[in-house]
Every structure is written in structure tokens, then in C-alpha cells.
Amino acid sequence: MGSALKCALEAGGIAVTAEVMPPRGGDPSHSLAMAACLKGRVHAINVTDGSRAVMRMSSLALCRLLLDAGLEPVFQMACRDRNRIALQADLLGAHALGIRNLLCLTGDPVRAGDQQEARPVNEFESIKLLNQVSAFNRGQDPVAGALPDGATELFPGCAADPQCPSWTGLQRRLTRKQEAGARFIQTQMVMDPDALERFQRELAGPMQMPVLAGVFLLKSAKNAMFINRVVPGASIPDHLVRRLAESRDPAAEGIAIAAEQVKRYLGLVQGVHLMAVKAEDRIPRILDLASLSLQPA
């Protein structure tokens, strides 16, 4: 089973992904309905894995349900909650289920979530996880010898923050991720196009790593201030908060801001990744305003 996302990125064309959050419960119907709105508009749908250290349905389970619905998933894997044996099992299980795209993450700290008594594992972090994916793709067993049924065909990506205050640290870690086998970069939300341009010019471009720039839908000034307060690494500038506060229709203004970012970022990098928490059905409107229409490969 191939990957439309991989084909788009390797062909050098525009690539578009969007994010869907699993439910906080056992019924996936709402998440699937939100994902259905994106059919034909994106190459793949990224399913979060315990984002902000909050309990949600398994990313692996929802990814398989997306495949059943004819939608290509990106399986997020966070290292926070599982040891290497569990991560290895989920990688092989994802491959068996037909899931090919991966986003390898360390994971938000437990202190960011609502169950702070939980015990993090953190035996692996994103680079070690990428190394494990690469080993499976070479057909290597983690203990000795070769996998008995041959190599996997997983397509792994990594995360990066172009607005990271430590540029040398960002460069060093991104280099290690590429060396570990990352094939594409999905950024955190980007609110500063100059930072994204520098990231592409000085890091991703010379490394020949395709970038999906994170575009986050803001719903109101209050929502923007909340995101700044609770989301690790978020930095929504004051001028956007004011723009939302002064708008007669903050929801529509947020869509307009996101569409402007899509158009601007596609002039800098190869693709975009759209995040619209609990409002995924607004993503097609963002793409329409950005005059972006494509058919997945």
C-alpha cells in the first residue's frame, strides 16, 4: 500500500495535510465525520497521539478507521507513554494494518496534561524512535538478525519549531533527526513567516528535507491567548490577537488569517499542515480562500 503523501513530497509538488484529534471516549464517529470533510482536499490526515498529555483514543485505532473510510492517515507516535517494546509493537502493528506515514515525536510532558500523577516512560525520544523505524525499514530485528517476514515500508517524518529561540540547538537536533531517517519535517504552528523563511533557507533547504509548515486556526482573541498560555512553544503575536479582538466576526477572521498564512507559506516551503482543533470542518473554507485545490495522488 503506497503513500500519497510520500509521492507528493518526493515529486516536489505541493503537499497538504491536516490534523484530526481522536475522541475523548470510545465513539470515533465525530472524528471520522470531521476527517470526511477533508476527503479530496488533503494528501493525508494526521492523527494526534496524546497531545498535551491528555487522554484520547489511540491514534493507531483511528488511523485504521480512516483507512477503512478511504482516507490516508499519518500516525503520530509519541514516546512519552511507551517503552521500546511497546513502540516496536505499534510500529509493526501499524505496518500490518496498512499505515505507512509516521510522525515521530518525543511527546508533551505529563505536567502539561490533566493527569499529572501519571508516570512518563520516555525510554525513547524522537531520534531513537526514528532510528528504530529505519532499522525496521532495513529489515533488522532489534535483538539480533533479520525480521523473519522482511523489511517494513514506513515513511517517517519529524517535528521542528522554526521559531525555536536556540538556533544552534534546532540545527543540531534536526541534523540528528535526518541522520536517524526522517524524510520530511512537520513544523509546529508558525506565526512568523520570516522565521519560516530562515528555517527553509538555512536548515531545511540545504538538507533537502521537505517541509510542511504548521498553520493553526485561531477562533477568537480569547482562544489565541489560551493557546499562548497552555500550548508548549506557542507564540501568537499581539497584532493577530488584536486583529481577532477587533473583528466583528472572529471566527471568519481566523479563517482569513489561516488562508493568508497558507498562501504565504507555500511561497516559502513545499507544503502546509492545517490544525483546527474541534473545527476541522472549517479547513475546506481555509483552502478555498487560499485558492488551493488539489486531488490526492
Protein backbone atom coordinates (compact mmCIF):
# COMPACT_ATOMS: atom_id res chain seq x y z
CA MET A 1 0.00 0.00 0.00
CA GLY A 2 1.58 3.27 -1.13
CA SER A 3 1.54 6.74 0.35
CA ALA A 4 0.05 9.71 -1.49
CA LEU A 5 1.90 12.00 0.91
CA LYS A 6 5.22 10.36 0.09
CA CYS A 7 4.54 10.60 -3.64
CA ALA A 8 3.65 14.30 -3.41
CA LEU A 9 6.69 15.18 -1.32
CA GLU A 10 9.14 13.17 -3.39
CA ALA A 11 7.73 14.61 -6.63
CA GLY A 12 8.44 18.11 -5.35
CA GLY A 13 4.84 19.27 -5.66
CA ILE A 14 2.61 20.99 -3.15
CA ALA A 15 1.67 18.75 -0.24
CA VAL A 16 -1.19 19.39 2.19
CA THR A 17 -2.01 17.59 5.41
CA ALA A 18 -4.49 18.32 8.16
CA GLU A 19 -4.89 17.25 11.75
CA VAL A 20 -7.76 15.39 13.40
CA MET A 21 -7.91 14.75 17.13
CA PRO A 22 -9.16 11.38 18.41
CA PRO A 23 -12.18 11.49 20.72
CA ARG A 24 -12.04 11.59 24.48
CA GLY A 25 -14.14 8.45 24.59
CA GLY A 26 -14.88 5.25 22.72
CA ASP A 27 -17.01 6.61 19.87
CA PRO A 28 -14.97 7.72 16.82
CA SER A 29 -17.95 8.94 14.78
CA HIS A 30 -17.33 12.68 15.25
CA SER A 31 -13.62 12.41 14.42
CA LEU A 32 -14.46 10.38 11.33
CA ALA A 33 -17.06 12.93 10.26
CA MET A 34 -14.52 15.73 10.60
CA ALA A 35 -12.00 13.71 8.59
CA ALA A 36 -14.60 13.03 5.89
CA CYS A 37 -14.84 16.80 5.28
CA LEU A 38 -11.21 16.68 4.17
CA LYS A 39 -11.52 13.94 1.59
CA GLY A 40 -10.14 15.13 -1.73
CA ARG A 41 -8.69 18.28 -0.14
CA VAL A 42 -5.54 16.93 1.53
CA HIS A 43 -2.98 14.25 0.85
CA ALA A 44 -3.14 12.79 4.36
CA ILE A 45 -4.78 13.28 7.74
CA ASN A 46 -2.57 13.43 10.81
CA VAL A 47 -3.97 11.81 13.97
CA THR A 48 -2.61 13.15 17.26
CA ASP A 49 -1.20 10.84 19.93
CA GLY A 50 -1.90 12.03 23.47
CA SER A 51 -1.35 15.67 22.54
CA ARG A 52 -0.77 17.93 25.58
CA ALA A 53 -0.62 14.72 27.67
CA VAL A 54 -4.41 14.44 27.65
CA MET A 55 -6.24 11.11 27.33
CA ARG A 56 -7.64 10.40 23.87
CA MET A 57 -8.49 7.35 21.82
CA SER A 58 -5.50 5.51 20.38
CA SER A 59 -4.03 7.23 17.32
CA LEU A 60 -3.35 3.79 15.84
CA ALA A 61 -7.01 2.78 16.09
CA LEU A 62 -8.31 5.97 14.47
CA CYS A 63 -5.70 5.72 11.71
CA ARG A 64 -7.00 2.27 10.79
CA LEU A 65 -10.58 3.57 10.79
CA LEU A 66 -9.51 6.37 8.46
CA LEU A 67 -8.03 3.83 6.07
CA ASP A 68 -11.29 1.90 6.18
CA ALA A 69 -13.04 5.14 5.17
CA GLY A 70 -10.72 5.63 2.20
CA LEU A 71 -8.59 8.33 3.84
CA GLU A 72 -4.80 8.27 4.16
CA PRO A 73 -3.56 8.75 7.74
CA VAL A 74 -0.36 9.98 9.32
CA PHE A 75 0.17 8.03 12.52
CA GLN A 76 1.63 10.21 15.25
CA MET A 77 3.80 8.28 17.68
CA ALA A 78 4.83 9.92 20.97
CA CYS A 79 7.46 8.25 23.14
CA ARG A 80 6.25 9.60 26.47
CA ASP A 81 3.90 6.75 27.42
CA ARG A 82 5.51 3.59 25.99
CA ASN A 83 8.77 1.73 26.39
CA ARG A 84 10.74 0.47 23.41
CA ILE A 85 8.94 -2.88 23.30
CA ALA A 86 5.52 -1.21 23.10
CA LEU A 87 6.74 1.27 20.46
CA GLN A 88 8.24 -1.56 18.39
CA ALA A 89 4.98 -3.48 18.64
CA ASP A 90 2.94 -0.48 17.49
CA LEU A 91 5.28 0.18 14.56
CA LEU A 92 4.93 -3.39 13.32
CA GLY A 93 1.20 -3.32 14.00
CA ALA A 94 0.78 -0.09 12.04
CA HIS A 95 2.61 -1.62 9.09
CA ALA A 96 0.42 -4.73 9.23
CA LEU A 97 -2.69 -2.52 9.23
CA GLY A 98 -1.57 -0.72 6.07
CA ILE A 99 -0.44 2.50 7.76
CA ARG A 100 2.68 3.92 6.14
CA ASN A 101 3.08 7.57 7.22
CA LEU A 102 4.54 8.28 10.66
CA LEU A 103 5.31 11.42 12.63
CA CYS A 104 7.87 10.55 15.29
CA LEU A 105 7.59 12.68 18.43
CA THR A 106 9.05 12.79 21.90
CA GLY A 107 5.68 13.90 23.31
CA ASP A 108 4.48 16.75 25.51
CA PRO A 109 5.47 16.41 29.19
CA VAL A 110 2.96 14.92 31.61
CA ARG A 111 2.90 18.21 33.55
CA ALA A 112 1.17 19.80 30.54
CA GLY A 113 -1.82 17.49 30.91
CA ASP A 114 -4.70 16.78 33.26
CA GLN A 115 -3.36 13.59 34.90
CA GLN A 116 -0.17 14.81 36.45
CA GLU A 117 0.06 11.75 38.67
CA ALA A 118 0.74 9.65 35.56
CA ARG A 119 4.23 8.22 35.21
CA PRO A 120 6.02 9.07 31.97
CA VAL A 121 8.19 6.41 30.35
CA ASN A 122 10.42 8.35 27.93
CA GLU A 123 12.75 5.43 27.28
CA PHE A 124 12.92 6.59 23.67
CA GLU A 125 12.69 10.10 22.32
CA SER A 126 12.04 11.10 18.73
CA ILE A 127 15.56 10.43 17.42
CA LYS A 128 15.72 6.95 18.93
CA LEU A 129 12.26 6.24 17.54
CA LEU A 130 13.37 7.36 14.07
CA ASN A 131 16.39 5.07 14.36
CA GLN A 132 14.07 2.19 15.22
CA VAL A 133 11.85 2.91 12.21
CA SER A 134 14.93 2.99 9.97
CA ALA A 135 16.11 -0.33 11.38
CA PHE A 136 12.73 -1.94 10.65
CA ASN A 137 12.86 -0.46 7.14
CA ARG A 138 16.20 -2.24 6.71
CA GLY A 139 14.63 -5.47 7.93
CA GLN A 140 16.62 -5.54 11.16
CA ASP A 141 15.33 -7.22 14.31
CA PRO A 142 16.01 -5.09 17.45
CA VAL A 143 17.68 -8.04 19.23
CA ALA A 144 19.57 -9.97 16.57
CA GLY A 145 19.40 -10.88 12.92
CA ALA A 146 16.67 -10.00 10.49
CA LEU A 147 12.91 -9.64 10.74
CA PRO A 148 11.52 -13.01 9.66
CA ASP A 149 9.00 -11.54 7.20
CA GLY A 150 11.20 -8.87 5.66
CA ALA A 151 11.61 -5.11 5.89
CA THR A 152 8.84 -2.64 6.64
CA GLU A 153 7.98 0.25 4.31
CA LEU A 154 7.26 3.05 6.72
CA PHE A 155 7.58 6.74 5.77
CA PRO A 156 8.77 8.66 8.85
CA GLY A 157 8.75 12.37 9.49
CA CYS A 158 9.83 14.57 12.36
CA ALA A 159 8.68 17.76 14.04
CA ALA A 160 10.54 21.06 14.33
CA ASP A 161 9.88 24.60 15.55
CA PRO A 162 11.20 27.28 13.15
CA GLN A 163 10.62 29.85 15.92
CA CYS A 164 12.87 27.98 18.38
CA PRO A 165 14.96 30.52 20.35
CA SER A 166 18.05 28.26 20.18
CA TRP A 167 19.02 28.19 16.50
CA THR A 168 22.15 26.09 17.03
CA GLY A 169 20.18 23.62 19.11
CA LEU A 170 17.49 23.42 16.42
CA GLN A 171 20.11 22.84 13.72
CA ARG A 172 21.90 20.16 15.73
CA ARG A 173 18.73 18.25 16.58
CA LEU A 174 17.30 18.49 13.05
CA THR A 175 20.54 17.13 11.63
CA ARG A 176 20.37 14.18 14.02
CA LYS A 177 16.76 13.53 13.02
CA GLN A 178 17.68 13.45 9.35
CA GLU A 179 20.59 11.12 10.08
CA ALA A 180 18.19 8.88 12.02
CA GLY A 181 15.97 8.58 8.95
CA ALA A 182 13.41 11.43 8.95
CA ARG A 183 12.12 12.00 5.43
CA PHE A 184 10.04 15.14 5.97
CA ILE A 185 9.52 17.89 8.54
CA GLN A 186 6.20 18.96 10.01
CA THR A 187 6.57 22.22 11.89
CA GLN A 188 4.85 23.48 14.98
CA MET A 189 2.40 26.31 14.35
CA VAL A 190 4.21 29.14 12.58
CA MET A 191 3.12 32.72 13.18
CA ASP A 192 6.30 34.41 11.90
CA PRO A 193 6.89 33.97 8.15
CA ASP A 194 10.38 35.44 8.48
CA ALA A 195 11.30 32.63 10.87
CA LEU A 196 9.92 30.07 8.43
CA GLU A 197 11.85 31.64 5.54
CA ARG A 198 15.10 31.48 7.53
CA PHE A 199 14.37 27.89 8.57
CA GLN A 200 13.93 26.89 4.93
CA ARG A 201 16.92 28.88 3.66
CA GLU A 202 19.44 27.89 6.31
CA LEU A 203 18.33 24.47 7.52
CA ALA A 204 15.67 22.50 5.64
CA GLY A 205 16.66 23.66 2.16
CA PRO A 206 20.35 22.74 2.37
CA MET A 207 19.35 19.42 3.99
CA GLN A 208 16.90 18.77 1.12
CA MET A 209 14.15 18.00 3.64
CA PRO A 210 10.59 18.84 2.51
CA VAL A 211 8.68 20.99 4.99
CA LEU A 212 5.01 21.06 5.94
CA ALA A 213 4.51 24.41 7.67
CA GLY A 214 2.06 24.36 10.57
CA VAL A 215 -1.00 26.62 10.11
CA PHE A 216 -3.18 26.88 13.22
CA LEU A 217 -6.78 28.11 13.04
CA LEU A 218 -7.45 30.79 15.64
CA LYS A 219 -11.10 31.14 16.62
CA SER A 220 -11.03 34.33 18.72
CA ALA A 221 -8.72 36.57 20.71
CA LYS A 222 -9.59 34.59 23.82
CA ASN A 223 -8.69 31.37 22.04
CA ALA A 224 -5.35 32.84 20.92
CA MET A 225 -4.48 33.91 24.46
CA PHE A 226 -5.44 30.47 25.77
CA ILE A 227 -3.18 28.79 23.19
CA ASN A 228 -0.29 31.03 24.21
CA ARG A 229 -0.84 30.08 27.83
CA VAL A 230 -1.23 26.30 27.60
CA VAL A 231 0.43 25.03 24.41
CA PRO A 232 4.18 24.42 24.78
CA GLY A 233 6.16 26.62 22.39
CA ALA A 234 3.16 28.63 21.13
CA SER A 235 3.82 32.31 20.40
CA ILE A 236 0.86 34.04 18.74
CA PRO A 237 1.84 37.69 18.18
CA ASP A 238 -0.09 40.60 19.67
CA HIS A 239 -1.07 42.02 16.29
CA LEU A 240 -3.02 38.86 15.43
CA VAL A 241 -4.68 38.82 18.85
CA ARG A 242 -5.74 42.46 18.31
CA ARG A 243 -7.00 41.68 14.81
CA LEU A 244 -9.23 38.95 16.21
CA ALA A 245 -10.39 41.13 19.12
CA GLU A 246 -11.37 43.98 16.81
CA SER A 247 -13.19 41.82 14.27
CA ARG A 248 -16.98 41.74 14.11
CA ASP A 249 -16.75 38.04 13.21
CA PRO A 250 -13.71 36.49 14.94
CA ALA A 251 -14.40 33.01 13.54
CA ALA A 252 -14.34 34.30 9.95
CA GLU A 253 -11.28 36.43 10.74
CA GLY A 254 -9.45 33.36 12.00
CA ILE A 255 -10.23 31.54 8.76
CA ALA A 256 -8.95 34.54 6.78
CA ILE A 257 -5.71 34.66 8.79
CA ALA A 258 -5.13 30.94 8.22
CA ALA A 259 -5.78 31.29 4.47
CA GLU A 260 -3.29 34.17 4.27
CA GLN A 261 -0.71 32.02 6.04
CA VAL A 262 -1.31 29.09 3.67
CA LYS A 263 -0.68 31.32 0.65
CA ARG A 264 2.38 32.95 2.20
CA TYR A 265 3.95 29.73 3.46
CA LEU A 266 3.50 27.87 0.17
CA GLY A 267 5.74 30.53 -1.32
CA LEU A 268 8.44 29.51 1.13
CA VAL A 269 8.15 25.74 1.65
CA GLN A 270 6.71 22.73 -0.13
CA GLY A 271 3.60 22.13 1.93
CA VAL A 272 1.32 23.08 4.79
CA HIS A 273 -0.15 21.24 7.74
CA LEU A 274 -3.50 22.61 8.94
CA MET A 275 -4.57 22.40 12.59
CA ALA A 276 -8.12 23.37 13.50
CA VAL A 277 -8.84 21.85 16.88
CA LYS A 278 -12.54 20.94 17.19
CA ALA A 279 -13.23 22.85 13.96
CA GLU A 280 -11.79 20.60 11.26
CA ASP A 281 -14.86 21.24 9.11
CA ARG A 282 -13.58 24.82 8.57
CA ILE A 283 -10.40 23.61 6.85
CA PRO A 284 -12.02 23.35 3.37
CA ARG A 285 -13.02 27.02 3.67
CA ILE A 286 -9.42 27.93 4.52
CA LEU A 287 -8.21 26.07 1.43
CA ASP A 288 -10.87 27.75 -0.74
CA LEU A 289 -9.86 31.22 0.45
CA ALA A 290 -6.24 30.32 -0.23
CA SER A 291 -7.27 29.21 -3.76
CA LEU A 292 -5.69 25.82 -3.04
CA SER A 293 -7.36 22.85 -4.69
CA LEU A 294 -5.71 19.54 -5.33
CA GLN A 295 -6.52 15.90 -5.76
CA PRO A 296 -4.50 13.41 -3.71
CA ALA A 297 -2.27 11.17 -5.79
